[in-house]
């Protein structure tokens, strides 16, 4: 798997990111297995893949935080307008 830059990751949608994350974790597992069995020649690849996993997870977390902040801002705007937030209406029923 080629190393991905953060900007490339940010352009991907959620499904693509999840696929890349699964692939990177699978590659990391295989690399660790090769180290244990003495088959791995390029040990420098392990930290590269670990960083790739971290980059993917960081982009996913950024999106999660942005979505939560947007939801919070929407709830605040609704509260200022005198409306009950949609989530609170569902809980009250």
C-alpha atoms as a PDB file:
ATOM      1  CA  UNK A   1       0.000   0.000   0.000  1.00  0.00           C
ATOM      2  CA  UNK A   2       1.436   3.358  -0.972  1.00  0.00           C
ATOM      3  CA  UNK A   3       1.774   6.018   1.688  1.00  0.00           C
ATOM      4  CA  UNK A   4      -1.128   8.466   1.640  1.00  0.00           C
ATOM      5  CA  UNK A   5      -0.831  12.165   2.277  1.00  0.00           C
ATOM      6  CA  UNK A   6      -3.243  13.823   4.644  1.00  0.00           C
ATOM      7  CA  UNK A   7      -4.781  15.984   1.921  1.00  0.00           C
ATOM      8  CA  UNK A   8      -5.513  12.895  -0.171  1.00  0.00           C
ATOM      9  CA  UNK A   9      -7.231  11.351   2.841  1.00  0.00           C
ATOM     10  CA  UNK A  10      -9.331  14.455   3.445  1.00  0.00           C
ATOM     11  CA  UNK A  11     -10.667  14.246  -0.112  1.00  0.00           C
ATOM     12  CA  UNK A  12     -11.961  10.702   0.417  1.00  0.00           C
ATOM     13  CA  UNK A  13     -15.447   9.942   1.665  1.00  0.00           C
ATOM     14  CA  UNK A  14     -16.181   7.984   4.847  1.00  0.00           C
ATOM     15  CA  UNK A  15     -16.457   4.606   3.123  1.00  0.00           C
ATOM     16  CA  UNK A  16     -13.140   5.015   1.327  1.00  0.00           C
ATOM     17  CA  UNK A  17     -11.445   6.032   4.563  1.00  0.00           C
ATOM     18  CA  UNK A  18     -12.823   3.003   6.365  1.00  0.00           C
ATOM     19  CA  UNK A  19     -11.574   0.715   3.584  1.00  0.00           C
ATOM     20  CA  UNK A  20      -8.109   2.308   3.705  1.00  0.00           C
ATOM     21  CA  UNK A  21      -8.048   1.925   7.486  1.00  0.00           C
ATOM     22  CA  UNK A  22      -8.920  -1.771   7.295  1.00  0.00           C
ATOM     23  CA  UNK A  23      -6.272  -2.314   4.607  1.00  0.00           C
ATOM     24  CA  UNK A  24      -3.604  -0.465   6.598  1.00  0.00           C
ATOM     25  CA  UNK A  25      -4.385  -2.393   9.777  1.00  0.00           C
ATOM     26  CA  UNK A  26      -4.282  -5.652   7.852  1.00  0.00           C
ATOM     27  CA  UNK A  27      -0.904  -4.715   6.365  1.00  0.00           C
ATOM     28  CA  UNK A  28       0.389  -3.795   9.825  1.00  0.00           C
ATOM     29  CA  UNK A  29      -0.742  -7.166  11.173  1.00  0.00           C
ATOM     30  CA  UNK A  30       1.041  -8.937   8.321  1.00  0.00           C
ATOM     31  CA  UNK A  31       4.217  -6.917   8.873  1.00  0.00           C
ATOM     32  CA  UNK A  32       4.240  -7.740  12.577  1.00  0.00           C
ATOM     33  CA  UNK A  33       3.690 -11.391  11.769  1.00  0.00           C
ATOM     34  CA  UNK A  34       6.616 -11.313   9.328  1.00  0.00           C
ATOM     35  CA  UNK A  35       8.867  -9.758  11.984  1.00  0.00           C
ATOM     36  CA  UNK A  36       8.063 -12.545  14.429  1.00  0.00           C
ATOM     37  CA  UNK A  37       8.714 -15.248  11.846  1.00  0.00           C
ATOM     38  CA  UNK A  38      11.909 -13.553  10.634  1.00  0.00           C
ATOM     39  CA  UNK A  39      10.638 -12.958   7.093  1.00  0.00           C
ATOM     40  CA  UNK A  40      10.539  -9.155   7.090  1.00  0.00           C
ATOM     41  CA  UNK A  41      13.459  -7.474   5.326  1.00  0.00           C
ATOM     42  CA  UNK A  42      12.259  -3.862   5.442  1.00  0.00           C
ATOM     43  CA  UNK A  43      11.472  -3.161   9.101  1.00  0.00           C
ATOM     44  CA  UNK A  44      11.146   0.572   8.344  1.00  0.00           C
ATOM     45  CA  UNK A  45       7.768  -0.149   6.771  1.00  0.00           C
ATOM     46  CA  UNK A  46       6.151  -0.799  10.169  1.00  0.00           C
ATOM     47  CA  UNK A  47       6.377   2.804  11.430  1.00  0.00           C
ATOM     48  CA  UNK A  48       5.225   4.050   8.012  1.00  0.00           C
ATOM     49  CA  UNK A  49       2.082   1.961   8.187  1.00  0.00           C
ATOM     50  CA  UNK A  50       1.493   2.920  11.828  1.00  0.00           C
ATOM     51  CA  UNK A  51       1.614   6.593  10.827  1.00  0.00           C
ATOM     52  CA  UNK A  52      -0.741   5.911   7.950  1.00  0.00           C
ATOM     53  CA  UNK A  53      -3.247   4.332  10.356  1.00  0.00           C
ATOM     54  CA  UNK A  54      -2.889   7.360  12.641  1.00  0.00           C
ATOM     55  CA  UNK A  55      -3.452   9.778   9.743  1.00  0.00           C
ATOM     56  CA  UNK A  56      -6.622   7.990   8.683  1.00  0.00           C
ATOM     57  CA  UNK A  57      -7.933   7.912  12.236  1.00  0.00           C
ATOM     58  CA  UNK A  58      -7.113  11.612  12.646  1.00  0.00           C
ATOM     59  CA  UNK A  59      -9.101  12.563   9.546  1.00  0.00           C
ATOM     60  CA  UNK A  60     -12.031  10.454  10.758  1.00  0.00           C
ATOM     61  CA  UNK A  61     -11.893  12.147  14.169  1.00  0.00           C
ATOM     62  CA  UNK A  62     -11.720  15.620  12.600  1.00  0.00           C
ATOM     63  CA  UNK A  63     -14.901  14.848  10.688  1.00  0.00           C
ATOM     64  CA  UNK A  64     -16.581  13.477  13.801  1.00  0.00           C
ATOM     65  CA  UNK A  65     -15.753  16.654  15.746  1.00  0.00           C
ATOM     66  CA  UNK A  66     -16.924  18.888  12.885  1.00  0.00           C
ATOM     67  CA  UNK A  67     -20.250  17.029  12.726  1.00  0.00           C
ATOM     68  CA  UNK A  68     -20.736  17.319  16.499  1.00  0.00           C
ATOM     69  CA  UNK A  69     -19.948  21.042  16.427  1.00  0.00           C
ATOM     70  CA  UNK A  70     -22.416  21.584  13.566  1.00  0.00           C
ATOM     71  CA  UNK A  71     -25.107  19.724  15.493  1.00  0.00           C
ATOM     72  CA  UNK A  72     -24.374  21.784  18.598  1.00  0.00           C
ATOM     73  CA  UNK A  73     -24.504  25.025  16.626  1.00  0.00           C
ATOM     74  CA  UNK A  74     -27.825  23.953  15.115  1.00  0.00           C
ATOM     75  CA  UNK A  75     -29.230  23.230  18.571  1.00  0.00           C
ATOM     76  CA  UNK A  76     -28.064  26.615  19.873  1.00  0.00           C
ATOM     77  CA  UNK A  77     -29.615  28.399  16.910  1.00  0.00           C
ATOM     78  CA  UNK A  78     -32.894  26.567  17.475  1.00  0.00           C
ATOM     79  CA  UNK A  79     -32.814  27.435  21.181  1.00  0.00           C
ATOM     80  CA  UNK A  80     -32.265  31.108  20.388  1.00  0.00           C
ATOM     81  CA  UNK A  81     -35.202  31.000  17.989  1.00  0.00           C
ATOM     82  CA  UNK A  82     -37.394  29.596  20.765  1.00  0.00           C
ATOM     83  CA  UNK A  83     -37.725  26.148  19.269  1.00  0.00           C
ATOM     84  CA  UNK A  84     -36.966  22.862  20.974  1.00  0.00           C
ATOM     85  CA  UNK A  85     -34.043  21.003  19.340  1.00  0.00           C
ATOM     86  CA  UNK A  86     -35.062  17.987  17.260  1.00  0.00           C
ATOM     87  CA  UNK A  87     -33.147  15.577  19.524  1.00  0.00           C
ATOM     88  CA  UNK A  88     -34.897  16.875  22.643  1.00  0.00           C
ATOM     89  CA  UNK A  89     -38.329  16.517  21.046  1.00  0.00           C
ATOM     90  CA  UNK A  90     -37.701  12.847  20.395  1.00  0.00           C
ATOM     91  CA  UNK A  91     -36.600  12.259  24.001  1.00  0.00           C
ATOM     92  CA  UNK A  92     -39.672  13.962  25.461  1.00  0.00           C
ATOM     93  CA  UNK A  93     -42.113  11.664  23.698  1.00  0.00           C
END
